[in-house]
């Protein structure tokens, strides 16, 4: 069994035992939470807002969260985070603030990217992806902050997971990529009928039959998979089907009872599975 297959098995076991391990009742560990329950959460504010792009600075920026307690000379592990929202401009970076704030409390630095999306001038494919690549490259300039820039994880949720997987493919500056309920096969995803699946054609400028070359270019399933790729997915996800949790060379971890938004909510078992994943990666 290779390292990440072993990690998958261990994390799945940990998730099933989470309430008893933490001394918590099952009622205190939430599952299959709603989007509105995430946006209702309080959160810690980011430490800095930095613009990475000149085309539309109002949207091409990142927010940097830092741990509150760092000893002198200590550098925080860095997570570059890409929020989801069906690639639509009606879902902005704000719904990911509780996750970013919680990760900072757990000891991680988070460089969370806002970007142009469907409905924004220059958004959609390939503009949204160009923004992510630019924002990811900008992370290397954050040398005035206590960050471990040599060991960074790129992580994205849902449509943000799709962009994270693309950005990590063939990128030597990325040490690992984590997809949270990530869209791994945009061609197959576009054939679905839920609201997010039908939003794919707007992002791509048409359906696959009309624009196959663009879909092929935008499809993580058709690209080399980063050597350290983890796909965390909930088996109750009704927005990105669990069948998307597969890429050649990637390690899938299925969270029992978890829905689409559990990864963004710090009171869920899925979030604690994510913490365990990060702790295992940065420890190794």
Protein backbone atom coordinates (compact mmCIF):
# COMPACT_ATOMS: atom_id res chain seq x y z
CA UNK A 1 0.00 0.00 0.00
CA UNK A 2 1.52 3.37 -0.98
CA UNK A 3 1.75 6.34 1.34
CA UNK A 4 -1.41 8.11 0.22
CA UNK A 5 -3.50 4.97 -0.06
CA UNK A 6 -2.54 4.33 3.56
CA UNK A 7 -3.45 7.94 4.40
CA UNK A 8 -6.85 7.45 2.77
CA UNK A 9 -7.59 4.36 4.84
CA UNK A 10 -6.43 5.99 8.06
CA UNK A 11 -8.44 9.16 7.48
CA UNK A 12 -11.59 7.25 6.63
CA UNK A 13 -11.24 5.30 9.86
CA UNK A 14 -10.64 8.51 11.77
CA UNK A 15 -13.78 10.10 10.34
CA UNK A 16 -15.95 7.15 11.36
CA UNK A 17 -14.60 7.35 14.90
CA UNK A 18 -14.48 11.15 15.17
CA UNK A 19 -17.18 11.80 17.82
CA UNK A 20 -15.82 9.20 20.25
CA UNK A 21 -12.20 10.26 19.70
CA UNK A 22 -13.02 13.86 20.58
CA UNK A 23 -15.34 13.07 23.44
CA UNK A 24 -18.24 14.62 21.56
CA UNK A 25 -21.71 13.33 20.99
CA UNK A 26 -22.84 12.70 17.45
CA UNK A 27 -25.26 15.60 17.82
CA UNK A 28 -22.41 18.09 18.23
CA UNK A 29 -20.73 16.97 15.01
CA UNK A 30 -22.76 18.34 12.13
CA UNK A 31 -23.16 16.70 8.75
CA UNK A 32 -24.74 17.50 5.40
CA UNK A 33 -25.00 21.19 6.32
CA UNK A 34 -26.62 23.85 4.14
CA UNK A 35 -24.99 26.76 2.35
CA UNK A 36 -26.94 29.18 4.56
CA UNK A 37 -25.58 27.54 7.72
CA UNK A 38 -22.06 28.23 6.45
CA UNK A 39 -22.72 31.87 5.57
CA UNK A 40 -24.33 32.42 9.00
CA UNK A 41 -21.10 31.52 10.81
CA UNK A 42 -18.86 34.10 12.46
CA UNK A 43 -15.23 34.25 11.37
CA UNK A 44 -11.87 35.88 12.01
CA UNK A 45 -10.89 38.62 9.59
CA UNK A 46 -8.01 38.29 7.17
CA UNK A 47 -4.74 40.03 8.04
CA UNK A 48 -4.15 41.51 4.57
CA UNK A 49 -5.81 42.12 1.22
CA UNK A 50 -3.42 42.19 -1.74
CA UNK A 51 -4.15 42.77 -5.42
CA UNK A 52 -2.50 40.31 -7.81
CA UNK A 53 -4.00 41.46 -11.15
CA UNK A 54 -4.30 44.76 -12.98
CA UNK A 55 -7.21 44.02 -15.33
CA UNK A 56 -9.83 44.22 -12.58
CA UNK A 57 -8.28 44.86 -9.14
CA UNK A 58 -11.74 44.80 -7.55
CA UNK A 59 -11.88 41.07 -8.30
CA UNK A 60 -8.25 40.04 -8.82
CA UNK A 61 -7.08 39.99 -5.22
CA UNK A 62 -6.23 37.60 -2.44
CA UNK A 63 -6.91 37.66 1.28
CA UNK A 64 -4.22 36.44 3.64
CA UNK A 65 -5.07 34.81 6.95
CA UNK A 66 -2.24 34.18 9.43
CA UNK A 67 -2.19 32.15 12.65
CA UNK A 68 -2.55 34.33 15.74
CA UNK A 69 0.28 32.63 17.58
CA UNK A 70 3.61 32.19 15.84
CA UNK A 71 6.87 32.05 17.75
CA UNK A 72 9.80 34.21 16.68
CA UNK A 73 11.23 32.90 13.44
CA UNK A 74 8.40 30.42 12.93
CA UNK A 75 6.87 30.15 9.45
CA UNK A 76 3.31 29.00 8.93
CA UNK A 77 2.40 26.24 6.46
CA UNK A 78 0.67 27.85 3.48
CA UNK A 79 -2.62 26.86 1.89
CA UNK A 80 -3.60 28.58 -1.34
CA UNK A 81 -7.39 28.34 -1.37
CA UNK A 82 -9.84 28.73 -4.28
CA UNK A 83 -13.51 29.10 -3.42
CA UNK A 84 -16.30 27.55 -5.43
CA UNK A 85 -19.79 28.63 -6.42
CA UNK A 86 -20.44 27.07 -9.83
CA UNK A 87 -17.97 29.58 -11.33
CA UNK A 88 -20.76 32.20 -10.99
CA UNK A 89 -20.19 35.78 -9.86
CA UNK A 90 -23.20 35.60 -7.53
CA UNK A 91 -21.08 33.41 -5.23
CA UNK A 92 -18.05 35.35 -4.09
CA UNK A 93 -15.18 34.72 -1.71
CA UNK A 94 -17.15 35.62 1.42
CA UNK A 95 -18.78 32.23 1.90
CA UNK A 96 -15.33 30.71 2.43
CA UNK A 97 -14.35 33.10 5.26
CA UNK A 98 -15.36 30.70 8.09
CA UNK A 99 -13.13 27.98 6.63
CA UNK A 100 -10.16 30.32 6.13
CA UNK A 101 -10.53 31.74 9.63
CA UNK A 102 -10.77 28.27 11.17
CA UNK A 103 -7.69 27.04 9.31
CA UNK A 104 -5.74 30.05 10.57
CA UNK A 105 -6.82 29.23 14.13
CA UNK A 106 -5.54 25.70 13.51
CA UNK A 107 -2.08 27.08 12.67
CA UNK A 108 -2.16 27.49 8.89
CA UNK A 109 -1.70 30.55 6.71
CA UNK A 110 -4.35 30.85 3.99
CA UNK A 111 -3.90 32.83 0.77
CA UNK A 112 -7.49 32.84 -0.49
CA UNK A 113 -8.08 33.99 -4.04
CA UNK A 114 -10.93 36.03 -5.43
CA UNK A 115 -11.17 35.92 -9.20
CA UNK A 116 -13.33 36.90 -12.16
CA UNK A 117 -16.20 34.50 -12.70
CA UNK A 118 -19.08 33.91 -15.11
CA UNK A 119 -20.93 37.22 -15.40
CA UNK A 120 -17.80 39.32 -14.86
CA UNK A 121 -15.95 40.99 -17.72
CA UNK A 122 -13.06 38.67 -18.51
CA UNK A 123 -14.53 35.87 -16.38
CA UNK A 124 -15.47 32.39 -17.52
CA UNK A 125 -13.09 30.14 -19.41
CA UNK A 126 -10.21 30.83 -19.79
CA UNK A 127 -10.17 34.14 -17.88
CA UNK A 128 -11.07 32.64 -14.49
CA UNK A 129 -8.27 30.10 -14.79
CA UNK A 130 -5.81 32.80 -15.87
CA UNK A 131 -6.66 34.68 -12.67
CA UNK A 132 -6.03 31.60 -10.54
CA UNK A 133 -2.66 31.00 -12.15
CA UNK A 134 -1.73 34.63 -11.58
CA UNK A 135 -2.91 34.58 -7.97
CA UNK A 136 -1.03 31.35 -7.30
CA UNK A 137 2.17 32.78 -8.77
CA UNK A 138 1.72 35.89 -6.62
CA UNK A 139 2.08 33.74 -3.50
CA UNK A 140 5.84 33.60 -4.14
CA UNK A 141 6.02 37.37 -3.51
CA UNK A 142 4.61 37.15 0.03
CA UNK A 143 8.09 37.08 1.55
CA UNK A 144 7.37 39.83 4.07
CA UNK A 145 5.01 37.48 5.89
CA UNK A 146 5.96 34.47 8.07
CA UNK A 147 5.11 31.84 5.45
CA UNK A 148 6.75 28.56 4.52
CA UNK A 149 6.69 29.16 0.78
CA UNK A 150 8.61 25.96 0.07
CA UNK A 151 5.76 23.72 1.26
CA UNK A 152 2.41 24.94 0.05
CA UNK A 153 -0.81 23.12 -0.63
CA UNK A 154 -3.26 24.31 -3.28
CA UNK A 155 -6.81 23.54 -2.23
CA UNK A 156 -10.16 24.28 -3.84
CA UNK A 157 -13.81 23.58 -3.14
CA UNK A 158 -16.27 22.50 -5.84
CA UNK A 159 -15.69 24.66 -8.95
CA UNK A 160 -12.69 26.05 -7.09
CA UNK A 161 -11.45 22.48 -6.81
CA UNK A 162 -11.69 22.20 -10.59
CA UNK A 163 -9.47 25.27 -10.95
CA UNK A 164 -7.08 24.05 -8.24
CA UNK A 165 -6.54 20.72 -10.01
CA UNK A 166 -5.83 22.50 -13.29
CA UNK A 167 -3.44 24.96 -11.63
CA UNK A 168 -1.49 22.14 -9.94
CA UNK A 169 -1.08 20.05 -13.08
CA UNK A 170 2.55 20.30 -14.15
CA UNK A 171 3.25 23.09 -11.63
CA UNK A 172 6.58 22.47 -9.90
CA UNK A 173 5.92 25.20 -7.31
CA UNK A 174 3.00 23.24 -5.85
CA UNK A 175 3.81 20.50 -3.35
CA UNK A 176 0.29 19.04 -3.07
CA UNK A 177 -3.27 19.68 -4.21
CA UNK A 178 -6.47 18.91 -2.33
CA UNK A 179 -9.84 18.91 -4.02
CA UNK A 180 -12.81 19.35 -1.70
CA UNK A 181 -15.92 18.08 -3.52
CA UNK A 182 -13.97 18.99 -6.64
CA UNK A 183 -15.22 18.86 -10.22
CA UNK A 184 -12.65 16.59 -11.83
CA UNK A 185 -14.33 15.87 -15.18
CA UNK A 186 -15.94 19.03 -16.53
CA UNK A 187 -17.16 17.30 -19.68
CA UNK A 188 -19.12 14.68 -17.76
CA UNK A 189 -20.22 17.28 -15.20
CA UNK A 190 -21.69 19.51 -17.92
CA UNK A 191 -24.09 16.71 -18.89
CA UNK A 192 -25.89 16.85 -15.55
CA UNK A 193 -29.09 18.70 -14.76
CA UNK A 194 -28.67 20.36 -11.37
CA UNK A 195 -28.21 24.14 -11.20
CA UNK A 196 -24.43 23.99 -10.90
CA UNK A 197 -24.06 21.45 -13.69
CA UNK A 198 -26.17 23.53 -16.05
CA UNK A 199 -24.01 26.57 -15.18
CA UNK A 200 -21.06 24.84 -16.86
CA UNK A 201 -22.10 25.93 -20.35
CA UNK A 202 -22.15 29.57 -19.25
CA UNK A 203 -18.65 29.23 -17.84
CA UNK A 204 -17.38 27.47 -20.95
CA UNK A 205 -19.18 29.67 -23.49
CA UNK A 206 -21.39 26.85 -24.79
CA UNK A 207 -21.89 23.12 -24.44
CA UNK A 208 -19.33 20.45 -25.23
CA UNK A 209 -20.66 19.74 -28.72
CA UNK A 210 -20.22 23.40 -29.67
CA UNK A 211 -16.86 23.93 -27.97
CA UNK A 212 -14.99 20.62 -27.55
CA UNK A 213 -11.46 22.06 -27.70
CA UNK A 214 -12.18 24.46 -24.83
CA UNK A 215 -13.67 21.68 -22.71
CA UNK A 216 -10.68 19.48 -23.37
CA UNK A 217 -8.35 22.29 -22.31
CA UNK A 218 -10.41 22.89 -19.15
CA UNK A 219 -10.72 19.25 -18.11
CA UNK A 220 -8.57 18.01 -15.21
CA UNK A 221 -9.41 14.44 -16.22
CA UNK A 222 -7.47 14.99 -19.43
CA UNK A 223 -4.36 16.46 -17.79
CA UNK A 224 -1.42 14.95 -15.90
CA UNK A 225 -2.42 14.55 -12.25
CA UNK A 226 -0.12 16.17 -9.71
CA UNK A 227 1.91 13.49 -7.93
CA UNK A 228 0.33 14.39 -4.58
CA UNK A 229 -3.37 14.81 -5.25
CA UNK A 230 -6.05 14.11 -2.64
CA UNK A 231 -9.77 14.18 -3.44
CA UNK A 232 -11.97 14.58 -0.35
CA UNK A 233 -15.64 14.03 -1.10
CA UNK A 234 -18.89 13.43 0.77
CA UNK A 235 -21.15 10.54 -0.12
CA UNK A 236 -24.21 12.79 0.45
CA UNK A 237 -23.09 15.47 -2.01
CA UNK A 238 -25.98 16.34 -4.35
CA UNK A 239 -24.17 19.16 -6.18
CA UNK A 240 -20.97 17.42 -7.27
CA UNK A 241 -21.72 13.68 -7.50
CA UNK A 242 -19.37 11.32 -5.70
CA UNK A 243 -18.40 9.86 -9.07
CA UNK A 244 -16.31 12.99 -9.62
CA UNK A 245 -13.95 11.88 -6.84
CA UNK A 246 -11.73 10.01 -9.28
CA UNK A 247 -8.61 10.96 -11.20
CA UNK A 248 -5.83 8.65 -12.37
CA UNK A 249 -3.06 8.83 -9.77
CA UNK A 250 -5.16 10.72 -7.20
CA UNK A 251 -6.07 9.42 -3.74
CA UNK A 252 -9.82 9.61 -3.04
CA UNK A 253 -11.14 9.87 0.52
CA UNK A 254 -14.91 9.45 0.91
CA UNK A 255 -16.55 11.03 3.96
CA UNK A 256 -19.62 9.10 5.04
CA UNK A 257 -22.69 11.26 5.61
CA UNK A 258 -20.98 14.44 4.40
CA UNK A 259 -22.67 16.86 2.01
CA UNK A 260 -21.30 19.45 -0.36
CA UNK A 261 -20.82 22.31 2.12
CA UNK A 262 -19.50 20.30 5.07
CA UNK A 263 -15.91 21.06 4.02
CA UNK A 264 -16.53 24.77 4.65
CA UNK A 265 -18.12 24.36 8.10
CA UNK A 266 -15.70 23.98 11.06
CA UNK A 267 -18.23 22.02 13.15
CA UNK A 268 -18.47 19.06 10.78
CA UNK A 269 -16.71 15.72 10.75
CA UNK A 270 -15.63 16.49 7.19
CA UNK A 271 -13.77 19.61 8.34
CA UNK A 272 -11.94 17.60 10.99
CA UNK A 273 -11.08 15.03 8.35
CA UNK A 274 -9.57 17.89 6.35
CA UNK A 275 -7.54 19.00 9.38
CA UNK A 276 -6.22 15.46 9.82
CA UNK A 277 -5.31 15.37 6.15
CA UNK A 278 -3.35 18.62 6.42
CA UNK A 279 -1.63 17.54 9.62
CA UNK A 280 -0.56 14.27 7.98
CA UNK A 281 0.74 16.05 4.88
CA UNK A 282 2.74 18.75 6.67
CA UNK A 283 4.07 16.27 9.24
CA UNK A 284 5.43 14.08 6.46
